Protein backbone atom coordinates (compact mmCIF):
# COMPACT_ATOMS: atom_id res chain seq x y z
CA UNK A 1 -104.70 -48.86 85.22
CA UNK A 2 -103.49 -45.57 86.77
CA UNK A 3 -103.07 -43.80 90.28
CA UNK A 4 -106.84 -42.72 91.45
CA UNK A 5 -105.21 -39.94 93.89
CA UNK A 6 -103.25 -38.28 91.38
CA UNK A 7 -104.59 -35.12 89.81
CA UNK A 8 -101.83 -36.02 86.47
CA UNK A 9 -103.02 -39.67 86.23
CA UNK A 10 -107.13 -38.84 86.34
CA UNK A 11 -106.10 -35.99 83.59
CA UNK A 12 -104.20 -38.57 81.79
CA UNK A 13 -107.20 -40.28 81.49
CA UNK A 14 -109.71 -37.99 81.01
CA UNK A 15 -107.70 -36.63 78.15
CA UNK A 16 -107.76 -40.44 76.53
CA UNK A 17 -110.99 -40.97 77.05
CA UNK A 18 -111.77 -37.74 75.20
CA UNK A 19 -109.10 -39.11 72.40
CA UNK A 20 -110.33 -42.64 72.12
CA UNK A 21 -113.79 -42.31 70.42
CA UNK A 22 -113.62 -45.98 69.99
CA UNK A 23 -114.09 -47.01 73.58
CA UNK A 24 -110.99 -49.03 73.11
CA UNK A 25 -109.62 -48.55 77.01
CA UNK A 26 -110.82 -49.44 80.55
CA UNK A 27 -109.65 -47.90 82.98
CA UNK A 28 -109.18 -48.99 86.57
CA UNK A 29 -107.32 -46.87 89.76
CA UNK A 30 -104.60 -49.06 91.49
CA UNK A 31 -106.35 -48.55 94.54
CA UNK A 32 -109.35 -50.20 93.82
CA UNK A 33 -110.45 -54.04 94.04
CA UNK A 34 -110.32 -55.08 90.41
CA UNK A 35 -106.53 -53.55 89.82
CA UNK A 36 -105.54 -55.52 92.72
CA UNK A 37 -106.94 -58.50 91.26
CA UNK A 38 -104.90 -58.06 88.11
CA UNK A 39 -101.91 -57.19 89.95
CA UNK A 40 -102.76 -60.43 91.46
CA UNK A 41 -103.80 -62.47 88.25
CA UNK A 42 -100.69 -60.79 86.27
CA UNK A 43 -98.40 -61.36 89.58
CA UNK A 44 -96.72 -57.93 89.56
CA UNK A 45 -94.86 -56.12 91.87
CA UNK A 46 -97.23 -55.76 94.90
CA UNK A 47 -95.80 -51.78 95.18
CA UNK A 48 -96.94 -51.06 91.20
CA UNK A 49 -97.16 -47.16 91.01
CA UNK A 50 -96.97 -46.60 87.25
CA UNK A 51 -99.31 -46.31 84.33
CA UNK A 52 -100.29 -49.96 83.62
CA UNK A 53 -101.90 -51.42 80.27
CA UNK A 54 -102.74 -54.89 79.81
CA UNK A 55 -103.25 -55.83 76.25
CA UNK A 56 -103.43 -59.25 75.12
CA UNK A 57 -102.99 -60.35 78.77
CA UNK A 58 -99.59 -59.10 78.38
CA UNK A 59 -98.54 -56.23 80.81
CA UNK A 60 -96.80 -53.04 80.17
CA UNK A 61 -95.38 -50.25 82.00
CA UNK A 62 -94.32 -46.67 82.41
CA UNK A 63 -93.49 -44.91 78.87
CA UNK A 64 -94.15 -48.48 76.77
CA UNK A 65 -97.89 -48.30 78.22
CA UNK A 66 -98.13 -44.39 77.61
CA UNK A 67 -96.86 -44.94 74.12
CA UNK A 68 -98.73 -47.98 73.18
CA UNK A 69 -102.32 -46.29 74.31
CA UNK A 70 -100.91 -43.12 71.97
CA UNK A 71 -101.22 -45.13 69.18
CA UNK A 72 -104.61 -45.99 69.26
CA UNK A 73 -105.89 -42.39 70.54
CA UNK A 74 -107.58 -40.36 67.57
CA UNK A 75 -105.93 -37.93 65.32
CA UNK A 76 -101.84 -36.96 65.59
CA UNK A 77 -101.55 -38.38 69.08
CA UNK A 78 -100.73 -41.56 67.06
CA UNK A 79 -97.38 -39.84 66.11
CA UNK A 80 -96.01 -40.25 69.35
CA UNK A 81 -95.53 -44.33 69.45
CA UNK A 82 -92.80 -43.35 66.99
CA UNK A 83 -90.94 -42.34 70.73
CA UNK A 84 -91.64 -46.81 70.59
CA UNK A 85 -87.96 -46.32 69.04
CA UNK A 86 -86.41 -44.77 71.90
CA UNK A 87 -84.67 -47.20 74.40
CA UNK A 88 -87.02 -48.21 77.16
CA UNK A 89 -84.18 -47.21 79.77
CA UNK A 90 -84.02 -43.45 78.46
CA UNK A 91 -87.71 -42.87 78.05
CA UNK A 92 -88.09 -44.54 81.23
CA UNK A 93 -86.11 -42.17 82.96
CA UNK A 94 -88.12 -39.13 82.39
CA UNK A 95 -91.10 -40.95 83.17
CA UNK A 96 -89.93 -41.75 86.11
CA UNK A 97 -88.83 -38.30 87.20
CA UNK A 98 -92.37 -37.16 85.97
CA UNK A 99 -93.92 -40.01 88.38
CA UNK A 100 -91.79 -39.43 91.16
CA UNK A 101 -92.07 -35.35 91.06
CA UNK A 102 -96.18 -35.88 89.98
CA UNK A 103 -97.66 -35.05 93.48
CA UNK A 104 -95.57 -32.40 93.98
CA UNK A 105 -96.24 -30.77 90.47
CA UNK A 106 -99.33 -31.76 90.06
CA UNK A 107 -101.38 -32.69 93.12
CA UNK A 108 -102.92 -34.97 95.33
CA UNK A 109 -106.48 -35.94 95.98
CA UNK A 110 -108.04 -37.91 99.14
CA UNK A 111 -109.94 -39.79 97.20
CA UNK A 112 -110.18 -41.11 93.72
CA UNK A 113 -112.51 -39.40 91.22
CA UNK A 114 -116.14 -40.23 90.02
CA UNK A 115 -116.18 -40.67 86.23
CA UNK A 116 -119.01 -38.45 84.52
CA UNK A 117 -122.12 -40.49 84.05
CA UNK A 118 -121.44 -40.70 79.81
CA UNK A 119 -117.97 -42.28 81.25
CA UNK A 120 -118.60 -44.84 83.68
CA UNK A 121 -119.15 -47.89 81.41
CA UNK A 122 -115.34 -46.90 80.89
CA UNK A 123 -114.58 -47.71 84.02
CA UNK A 124 -113.68 -50.81 86.01
CA UNK A 125 -114.84 -51.45 89.67
């Protein structure tokens, strides 16, 4: 799940799709119905404002979610998962600085992006 109104987040989703050739990941905007249902199902904080990965019925947030995603990508992007050995407190500090400033640095849109037709099956309603 990702913030569908954030340019950085939308760019990150597009980045992942291009490097996830096996189609392992599916995406849901935090503003959408599917994400809201998943938030309730997994009893997440209703104010979740983070990149979220649900894998094997377990919820991962922030830098852990991002690094677990990188582990599944093609090419050298897998190497970023080595940062999982850095304590989450330190990783998430960097994540939070970027997340806190993402609208100011990268911009915000009034609505979620519309996926390319060839990517439509990768997005959950």
